Amino acid sequence: MQLFTDNSFFIWLAGLSIPAIYLGCREKSLKWYGMFVTFVFVWLSMGSNLNALFNLGLYTVIEYAVVRIYLELRTKKGRVTWQYRIFLLASLAPLTIYKILGLTGNKYHIFAFLGLSYMTFKSTQMVIEIYDGVIKDFKTSNFIYLLLFFPAITSGPIDRSRRFDEDIDKIIPRDEYLELLGEGIYKILKGMVYKMVIAACFYTVMNYFGTGGTWYSIAIYFYIYGVYLFFDFAGYSNMAIGASYIFGVRTPENFNAPFVSKDIKEFWNRWHMTLSFWFRDFLFSRITMALVRTRKIKNKLVIATIAFMINMFVMGVWHGLELNYIVYGLYHGVLLSACEIFQKKSKFYKAHKKDKWFIGVSWFITLHLVMFGFFIFSGRLGILLSNQG
């Protein structure tokens, strides 16, 4: 069974949602039943592959041990930087191993299961916030539920532990739950239309007209791939958020009309927001602060450029170690750096940034820069270049 894809999933979701709705309307806790449903879906999606199920369980134990042991050390020893770095690397180790072994073609190693990347974000976030002193303690059950929460296990959206804990430990008033339920059902239906109707149509057109080597087939692929990617992923995200709402969890939004963005910074505040904000909070801002503290670089734009390049390079590597993903990350690092410099230094920008014509031109340029980025991401550009070579 594939979550949010197979018809059998939606049948199971409808049936398992009935007790959740009953509990929610009776103002009862949804936590334990939600955990039960999560285990059911994990089993249904991986049950035919007992090896993957075992590896997922092992991974959960490893990440729990990393976070729990580091919390104990942080409580007793305080902020010890070398300890923090060791446990941060330990939390990232399974994902790193998976990425490296993936290059060798080994797809059946110990960490080869769906959801590894998104689960790693959650455990790593907890290690970082324990170091910051923000997380003082956590419940074992909450950690396991956060890591395995079925709507977001395979492709997000990426939730934060403290926000998640507040939701699952809260008793929701009946009227509030009914409103949440209505929004959840609406989002599931909206997501189904996005993914199974609109994205499917764009995919059909893209595959039928956009697979050749002529200029018009390349142009069709260039424009349609990004739109298809949005409706496919935004559709999945809407369904995941909607299912979360039924079980009393307000999983954060992931998309906010990204194709209306007027510059590349606005685009990353609208596209895959939970991923973008995660990197902003836990990588970009920390690189920036570290460079400021060293006092070796005093130019703020240079610091921002370095931080953008590292941030987007890592984001590209997170998608995969293949060249198209790395180039995609570096490409957006260059765009973000150029945008920052232009907006901070250009008198022309400051004089015209509110003019309607300038906003329209900025939107048009941004849209095409974004589409070219997706073209890189898809790997199609690399294929075209290699064929010409």
Protein backbone atom coordinates (compact mmCIF):
# COMPACT_ATOMS: atom_id res chain seq x y z
CA MET A 1 0.00 0.00 0.00
CA GLN A 2 1.26 3.49 -0.89
CA LEU A 3 0.09 6.27 1.41
CA PHE A 4 -2.15 8.87 -0.25
CA THR A 5 -1.91 7.02 -3.58
CA ASP A 6 -3.62 3.63 -3.51
CA ASN A 7 -7.41 3.34 -3.31
CA SER A 8 -6.97 0.89 -0.45
CA PHE A 9 -5.27 3.61 1.58
CA PHE A 10 -8.26 5.93 1.36
CA ILE A 11 -10.62 3.12 2.31
CA TRP A 12 -8.51 2.36 5.39
CA LEU A 13 -8.23 6.08 6.19
CA ALA A 14 -12.00 6.54 6.02
CA GLY A 15 -12.63 3.55 8.29
CA LEU A 16 -9.92 4.38 10.83
CA SER A 17 -11.01 8.03 10.95
CA ILE A 18 -14.45 7.17 12.36
CA PRO A 19 -13.22 6.41 15.92
CA ALA A 20 -11.00 9.52 15.76
CA ILE A 21 -13.99 11.68 14.85
CA TYR A 22 -15.98 10.10 17.67
CA LEU A 23 -13.21 10.80 20.19
CA GLY A 24 -12.74 14.32 18.90
CA CYS A 25 -16.45 15.11 19.15
CA ARG A 26 -16.48 13.69 22.70
CA GLU A 27 -13.51 15.95 23.62
CA LYS A 28 -11.25 13.00 24.33
CA SER A 29 -7.53 12.70 23.75
CA LEU A 30 -6.63 11.59 20.21
CA LYS A 31 -2.99 10.82 20.96
CA TRP A 32 -3.08 7.11 21.71
CA TYR A 33 -5.59 6.25 19.04
CA GLY A 34 -3.58 8.31 16.55
CA MET A 35 -0.47 6.32 17.49
CA PHE A 36 -2.39 3.09 16.94
CA VAL A 37 -3.52 4.24 13.49
CA THR A 38 0.05 5.30 12.68
CA PHE A 39 1.33 1.81 13.53
CA VAL A 40 -1.43 0.30 11.39
CA PHE A 41 -0.44 2.36 8.36
CA VAL A 42 3.26 1.72 8.90
CA TRP A 43 2.49 -2.00 8.94
CA LEU A 44 0.20 -1.82 5.89
CA SER A 45 2.72 0.19 3.87
CA MET A 46 5.76 -1.87 4.89
CA GLY A 47 4.26 -5.10 6.24
CA SER A 48 4.98 -7.05 3.08
CA ASN A 49 8.64 -6.12 3.52
CA LEU A 50 9.57 -7.32 6.98
CA ASN A 51 13.18 -6.31 6.41
CA ALA A 52 12.17 -2.66 5.84
CA LEU A 53 9.88 -2.81 8.86
CA PHE A 54 12.72 -4.12 11.03
CA ASN A 55 15.09 -1.46 9.69
CA LEU A 56 12.54 1.27 10.44
CA GLY A 57 12.21 0.00 14.00
CA LEU A 58 15.98 -0.15 14.38
CA TYR A 59 16.32 3.38 13.01
CA THR A 60 13.71 4.64 15.48
CA VAL A 61 15.60 3.05 18.38
CA ILE A 62 18.90 4.53 17.18
CA GLU A 63 17.50 8.05 16.83
CA TYR A 64 15.74 7.80 20.19
CA ALA A 65 18.98 6.70 21.86
CA VAL A 66 20.90 9.58 20.23
CA VAL A 67 18.40 12.21 21.36
CA ARG A 68 17.84 10.75 24.85
CA ILE A 69 21.53 10.22 25.65
CA TYR A 70 22.41 13.69 24.41
CA LEU A 71 19.64 15.21 26.54
CA GLU A 72 21.05 13.48 29.62
CA LEU A 73 24.57 14.69 28.84
CA ARG A 74 23.37 18.22 28.10
CA THR A 75 21.47 18.28 31.42
CA LYS A 76 24.49 17.11 33.42
CA LYS A 77 27.40 18.71 31.56
CA GLY A 78 25.85 21.81 30.03
CA ARG A 79 26.71 23.07 26.53
CA VAL A 80 29.76 21.04 25.52
CA THR A 81 30.37 21.80 21.85
CA TRP A 82 32.29 18.65 20.92
CA GLN A 83 29.59 16.45 22.47
CA TYR A 84 26.92 18.35 20.56
CA ARG A 85 28.74 17.86 17.27
CA ILE A 86 29.17 14.14 17.85
CA PHE A 87 25.47 13.62 18.56
CA LEU A 88 24.46 15.90 15.71
CA LEU A 89 26.55 13.81 13.33
CA ALA A 90 25.13 10.64 14.90
CA SER A 91 21.58 11.80 14.20
CA LEU A 92 22.54 12.49 10.57
CA ALA A 93 24.57 9.29 10.14
CA PRO A 94 21.76 6.98 8.87
CA LEU A 95 20.72 9.47 6.19
CA THR A 96 24.36 10.07 5.21
CA ILE A 97 24.98 6.33 4.90
CA TYR A 98 21.84 5.98 2.80
CA LYS A 99 22.87 8.77 0.42
CA ILE A 100 26.43 7.49 -0.02
CA LEU A 101 25.44 3.85 -0.52
CA GLY A 102 22.74 5.00 -2.94
CA LEU A 103 25.50 6.17 -5.29
CA THR A 104 26.87 2.64 -5.40
CA GLY A 105 23.51 1.28 -6.52
CA ASN A 106 22.95 -0.52 -3.22
CA LYS A 107 19.24 0.02 -2.62
CA TYR A 108 18.75 -2.73 -0.07
CA HIS A 109 20.94 -1.68 2.84
CA ILE A 110 19.86 -1.19 6.42
CA PHE A 111 18.49 2.34 6.04
CA ALA A 112 16.69 1.88 2.72
CA PHE A 113 13.09 2.68 3.61
CA LEU A 114 10.65 5.44 2.76
CA GLY A 115 10.57 8.46 5.03
CA LEU A 116 14.18 8.38 6.22
CA SER A 117 14.94 11.96 5.11
CA TYR A 118 11.89 13.51 6.71
CA MET A 119 12.27 11.59 9.96
CA THR A 120 15.91 12.70 10.17
CA PHE A 121 14.84 16.36 10.08
CA LYS A 122 12.73 15.80 13.19
CA SER A 123 15.35 14.01 15.28
CA THR A 124 18.13 16.39 14.21
CA GLN A 125 15.95 19.37 15.09
CA MET A 126 15.57 17.97 18.60
CA VAL A 127 19.35 17.54 19.04
CA ILE A 128 19.90 21.15 17.95
CA GLU A 129 17.20 22.53 20.24
CA ILE A 130 18.48 20.46 23.17
CA TYR A 131 21.86 22.10 22.64
CA ASP A 132 20.15 25.50 22.53
CA GLY A 133 18.46 24.73 25.84
CA VAL A 134 14.99 25.04 24.32
CA ILE A 135 14.08 21.38 24.86
CA LYS A 136 14.48 20.40 28.51
CA ASP A 137 12.77 17.02 28.33
CA PHE A 138 10.51 14.96 26.08
CA LYS A 139 8.18 11.98 26.34
CA THR A 140 9.23 8.74 24.70
CA SER A 141 5.75 8.20 23.29
CA ASN A 142 5.71 11.71 21.81
CA PHE A 143 9.08 11.16 20.15
CA ILE A 144 8.00 7.90 18.52
CA TYR A 145 4.69 9.41 17.43
CA LEU A 146 6.42 12.46 15.93
CA LEU A 147 8.92 10.33 14.04
CA LEU A 148 6.38 7.86 12.62
CA PHE A 149 3.25 10.05 12.33
CA PHE A 150 1.69 8.48 9.25
CA PRO A 151 0.48 11.54 7.28
CA ALA A 152 3.97 13.07 7.20
CA ILE A 153 6.25 10.02 7.40
CA THR A 154 7.19 9.67 3.73
CA SER A 155 7.22 13.20 2.27
CA GLY A 156 6.43 15.68 5.02
CA PRO A 157 5.42 18.39 5.71
CA ILE A 158 8.19 18.66 8.30
CA ASP A 159 6.81 19.37 11.76
CA ARG A 160 8.68 20.65 14.82
CA SER A 161 8.68 18.58 18.02
CA ARG A 162 7.48 21.27 20.42
CA ARG A 163 4.62 22.33 18.16
CA PHE A 164 3.64 18.68 17.61
CA ASP A 165 3.71 17.96 21.36
CA GLU A 166 1.34 20.86 22.05
CA ASP A 167 -1.20 19.43 19.61
CA ILE A 168 -1.16 15.81 20.73
CA ASP A 169 -1.21 16.65 24.45
CA LYS A 170 -4.13 19.06 24.02
CA ILE A 171 -7.80 18.22 24.53
CA ILE A 172 -9.57 20.00 21.68
CA PRO A 173 -12.99 21.56 22.42
CA ARG A 174 -15.78 19.99 20.38
CA ASP A 175 -16.56 23.07 18.26
CA GLU A 176 -12.88 23.59 17.51
CA TYR A 177 -12.46 19.95 16.53
CA LEU A 178 -15.49 20.03 14.22
CA GLU A 179 -14.02 23.07 12.48
CA LEU A 180 -10.67 21.31 12.22
CA LEU A 181 -12.39 18.19 10.87
CA GLY A 182 -14.18 20.19 8.19
CA GLU A 183 -10.93 21.85 7.14
CA GLY A 184 -9.21 18.46 7.10
CA ILE A 185 -11.79 16.84 4.82
CA TYR A 186 -11.66 19.87 2.51
CA LYS A 187 -7.86 19.65 2.30
CA ILE A 188 -7.97 15.93 1.53
CA LEU A 189 -10.45 16.52 -1.30
CA LYS A 190 -8.45 19.49 -2.57
CA GLY A 191 -5.26 17.42 -2.46
CA MET A 192 -6.92 14.59 -4.39
CA VAL A 193 -7.96 17.01 -7.13
CA TYR A 194 -4.47 18.53 -7.24
CA LYS A 195 -2.59 15.23 -7.36
CA MET A 196 -4.93 12.80 -9.08
CA VAL A 197 -6.58 15.11 -11.58
CA ILE A 198 -4.55 18.25 -12.33
CA ALA A 199 -1.06 16.79 -11.80
CA ALA A 200 -2.04 13.64 -13.69
CA CYS A 201 -3.21 15.72 -16.67
CA PHE A 202 0.00 17.76 -16.74
CA TYR A 203 2.04 14.56 -16.44
CA THR A 204 0.23 13.02 -19.41
CA VAL A 205 0.81 16.12 -21.55
CA MET A 206 4.45 16.32 -20.45
CA ASN A 207 5.11 12.66 -21.31
CA TYR A 208 3.24 12.77 -24.62
CA PHE A 209 4.53 16.06 -26.04
CA GLY A 210 7.63 16.82 -24.00
CA THR A 211 9.85 13.78 -24.32
CA GLY A 212 11.42 14.49 -27.70
CA GLY A 213 14.48 16.50 -28.64
CA THR A 214 12.76 19.20 -30.69
CA TRP A 215 12.67 22.78 -29.46
CA TYR A 216 8.92 22.68 -28.83
CA SER A 217 9.04 19.42 -26.85
CA ILE A 218 11.83 20.88 -24.69
CA ALA A 219 9.79 24.05 -24.19
CA ILE A 220 6.71 22.03 -23.21
CA TYR A 221 8.74 20.04 -20.71
CA PHE A 222 10.42 23.22 -19.43
CA TYR A 223 7.13 24.86 -18.48
CA ILE A 224 4.99 21.87 -17.58
CA TYR A 225 7.42 19.97 -15.34
CA GLY A 226 7.47 22.69 -12.65
CA VAL A 227 3.69 23.03 -12.72
CA TYR A 228 3.27 19.26 -12.53
CA LEU A 229 5.72 19.09 -9.63
CA PHE A 230 3.75 21.74 -7.74
CA PHE A 231 0.33 20.12 -8.13
CA ASP A 232 1.71 16.66 -7.39
CA PHE A 233 3.59 17.64 -4.24
CA ALA A 234 1.12 20.30 -3.06
CA GLY A 235 -1.65 17.75 -3.58
CA TYR A 236 0.17 15.23 -1.42
CA SER A 237 0.89 17.89 1.21
CA ASN A 238 -2.76 18.96 1.35
CA MET A 239 -3.90 15.38 1.86
CA ALA A 240 -1.27 14.84 4.55
CA ILE A 241 -2.29 18.03 6.36
CA GLY A 242 -5.99 17.13 6.04
CA ALA A 243 -5.43 13.65 7.49
CA SER A 244 -3.41 15.22 10.33
CA TYR A 245 -6.31 17.51 11.17
CA ILE A 246 -8.66 14.54 11.58
CA PHE A 247 -6.31 13.20 14.25
CA GLY A 248 -6.02 16.56 15.98
CA VAL A 249 -2.61 17.61 14.66
CA ARG A 250 -2.27 20.93 12.85
CA THR A 251 0.60 19.94 10.56
CA PRO A 252 2.03 23.18 9.09
CA GLU A 253 1.32 24.32 5.54
CA ASN A 254 3.85 23.49 2.85
CA PHE A 255 2.90 25.68 -0.12
CA ASN A 256 1.52 29.20 -0.51
CA ALA A 257 0.98 30.07 -4.20
CA PRO A 258 4.72 29.92 -5.05
CA PHE A 259 4.30 30.92 -8.70
CA VAL A 260 3.12 34.44 -7.79
CA SER A 261 6.52 35.18 -6.21
CA LYS A 262 8.13 38.46 -7.28
CA ASP A 263 11.68 37.43 -6.36
CA ILE A 264 13.55 34.26 -5.53
CA LYS A 265 13.57 34.94 -1.78
CA GLU A 266 9.79 35.19 -1.80
CA PHE A 267 9.65 31.96 -3.79
CA TRP A 268 11.50 30.08 -1.05
CA ASN A 269 9.10 31.55 1.50
CA ARG A 270 6.24 30.01 -0.48
CA TRP A 271 7.66 26.75 -1.89
CA HIS A 272 8.07 23.64 0.31
CA MET A 273 7.92 26.01 3.26
CA THR A 274 8.56 23.50 6.03
CA LEU A 275 11.79 22.42 4.32
CA SER A 276 12.84 25.98 3.49
CA PHE A 277 12.11 27.24 7.01
CA TRP A 278 13.93 24.26 8.55
CA PHE A 279 17.09 25.09 6.62
CA ARG A 280 16.65 28.79 7.39
CA ASP A 281 16.35 28.21 11.14
CA PHE A 282 18.83 25.39 11.65
CA LEU A 283 21.49 25.99 9.00
CA PHE A 284 21.43 29.40 7.30
CA SER A 285 20.95 31.49 10.45
CA ARG A 286 23.60 29.49 12.33
CA ILE A 287 26.15 29.85 9.55
CA THR A 288 25.45 33.58 9.50
CA MET A 289 25.86 33.93 13.27
CA ALA A 290 29.04 31.84 13.26
CA LEU A 291 30.60 34.00 10.55
CA VAL A 292 29.61 37.18 12.40
CA ARG A 293 31.14 35.87 15.64
CA THR A 294 34.47 35.11 13.97
CA ARG A 295 34.75 38.77 12.91
CA LYS A 296 36.96 37.67 10.03
CA ILE A 297 34.35 38.78 7.49
CA LYS A 298 32.78 42.14 8.18
CA ASN A 299 30.82 42.62 4.96
CA LYS A 300 27.24 41.49 5.63
CA LEU A 301 26.56 40.74 1.97
CA VAL A 302 29.61 38.47 1.79
CA ILE A 303 28.40 36.66 4.91
CA ALA A 304 24.91 36.30 3.42
CA THR A 305 26.35 35.00 0.14
CA ILE A 306 28.46 32.36 1.88
CA ALA A 307 25.48 31.30 4.00
CA PHE A 308 23.16 31.11 0.98
CA MET A 309 25.63 29.02 -1.01
CA ILE A 310 26.26 26.54 1.81
CA ASN A 311 22.59 26.38 2.74
CA MET A 312 21.39 25.65 -0.79
CA PHE A 313 24.27 23.28 -1.52
CA VAL A 314 23.27 21.20 1.50
CA MET A 315 19.63 21.36 0.43
CA GLY A 316 20.65 20.06 -3.00
CA VAL A 317 22.68 17.24 -1.43
CA TRP A 318 19.71 16.40 0.78
CA HIS A 319 17.67 15.69 -2.34
CA GLY A 320 20.44 13.40 -3.58
CA LEU A 321 24.12 13.18 -4.43
CA GLU A 322 23.42 13.08 -8.16
CA LEU A 323 24.85 15.99 -10.14
CA ASN A 324 21.48 17.48 -11.10
CA TYR A 325 20.48 17.92 -7.44
CA ILE A 326 23.81 19.44 -6.45
CA VAL A 327 23.73 21.87 -9.41
CA TYR A 328 20.11 22.72 -8.55
CA GLY A 329 21.13 23.65 -5.01
CA LEU A 330 24.11 25.74 -6.14
CA TYR A 331 21.97 27.43 -8.80
CA HIS A 332 19.50 28.61 -6.18
CA GLY A 333 22.37 29.65 -3.92
CA VAL A 334 23.62 31.93 -6.69
CA LEU A 335 20.11 33.29 -7.32
CA LEU A 336 19.49 34.04 -3.64
CA SER A 337 22.90 35.71 -3.29
CA ALA A 338 22.37 37.82 -6.40
CA CYS A 339 18.88 38.80 -5.23
CA GLU A 340 20.21 39.85 -1.81
CA ILE A 341 23.00 41.95 -3.34
CA PHE A 342 20.67 43.54 -5.90
CA GLN A 343 18.06 44.48 -3.31
CA LYS A 344 20.60 45.85 -0.85
CA LYS A 345 22.87 47.71 -3.28
CA SER A 346 20.83 48.71 -6.31
CA LYS A 347 19.49 52.26 -6.33
CA PHE A 348 17.37 51.28 -9.32
CA TYR A 349 15.65 48.59 -7.25
CA LYS A 350 15.01 50.94 -4.35
CA ALA A 351 13.57 53.58 -6.69
CA HIS A 352 11.22 51.26 -8.60
CA LYS A 353 10.47 48.27 -6.33
CA LYS A 354 6.89 49.46 -5.74
CA ASP A 355 6.15 50.32 -9.39
CA LYS A 356 3.62 48.01 -11.02
CA TRP A 357 5.70 47.55 -14.17
CA PHE A 358 8.74 46.59 -12.08
CA ILE A 359 6.71 44.12 -10.03
CA GLY A 360 5.38 42.55 -13.25
CA VAL A 361 8.84 42.24 -14.80
CA SER A 362 10.24 40.83 -11.53
CA TRP A 363 7.48 38.22 -11.42
CA PHE A 364 8.13 37.22 -15.05
CA ILE A 365 11.89 36.87 -14.55
CA THR A 366 11.45 35.00 -11.25
CA LEU A 367 8.99 32.54 -12.81
CA HIS A 368 11.43 31.67 -15.59
CA LEU A 369 14.38 31.39 -13.23
CA VAL A 370 12.32 29.01 -11.09
CA MET A 371 11.26 26.95 -14.10
CA PHE A 372 14.86 26.68 -15.27
CA GLY A 373 15.77 25.48 -11.77
CA PHE A 374 13.15 22.75 -12.00
CA PHE A 375 14.52 21.87 -15.44
CA ILE A 376 17.91 21.31 -13.79
CA PHE A 377 16.31 19.38 -10.93
CA SER A 378 14.52 17.02 -13.33
CA GLY A 379 17.81 15.89 -14.88
CA ARG A 380 16.51 16.68 -18.38
CA LEU A 381 19.05 19.48 -18.90
CA GLY A 382 21.92 17.12 -18.12
CA ILE A 383 20.59 14.57 -20.60
CA LEU A 384 20.30 17.22 -23.34
CA LEU A 385 23.83 18.47 -22.70
CA SER A 386 25.28 14.96 -22.68
CA ASN A 387 23.50 14.13 -25.94
CA GLN A 388 24.90 17.24 -27.58
CA GLY A 389 28.34 16.37 -26.29
